[in-house]
């Protein structure tokens, strides 16, 4: 790796794709899986462009489907590296759809993908270049990316301990208010 730092703009990617009838679900809207696949594709392209190496998707933060996407609309995905660690990168993705006939553009999705650069032969993590932050927006995105990484790490630790000290009888009593029925074998 020759470059120690790269500009955010060096690896920003825009992907446009027309939503065709074969992408429709039973409700006539574009299937969420199609959009997720395109998001994964652009996350890889952006991360690999920054790292100049093979990358894998390590995790995907929540993907909120804010508005449905219709067949015939043009989907535009924007991706940029927001944060880099030693071998990992957070890629922020914004998805918009455009209805040509109505002249309306709507924000449909936002998500953050954690990507890891790997050595293709050894499959071991590979160091990635740092980011040159050249705008206030890029600084904000970097700081928020770092905070998301720390929050995710804390959540993972807390979740691993979740339920370790539960009182089963007490918790079962609380479930009476939930939409479930407990039928344990005798």
Foldseek 3Di string as FASTA:
>chain_A
DPAQEDAQVQQKDKDKDAAAQVQADPVQFGDPVVVVVVVLVSVQSSLCSQQVAGKDWPDKDDKAFPDTHHHGKMKMKIWTFQEDDFFKTKIKIWIWIADPVVRDIGTTIIIITIMGGADPPPRDTHGTHGYDQDDPVSVVSHVVVVVVVVVVVVVVVVVVCPPVPDDVVVVVVVCVPPPDDDDDDD
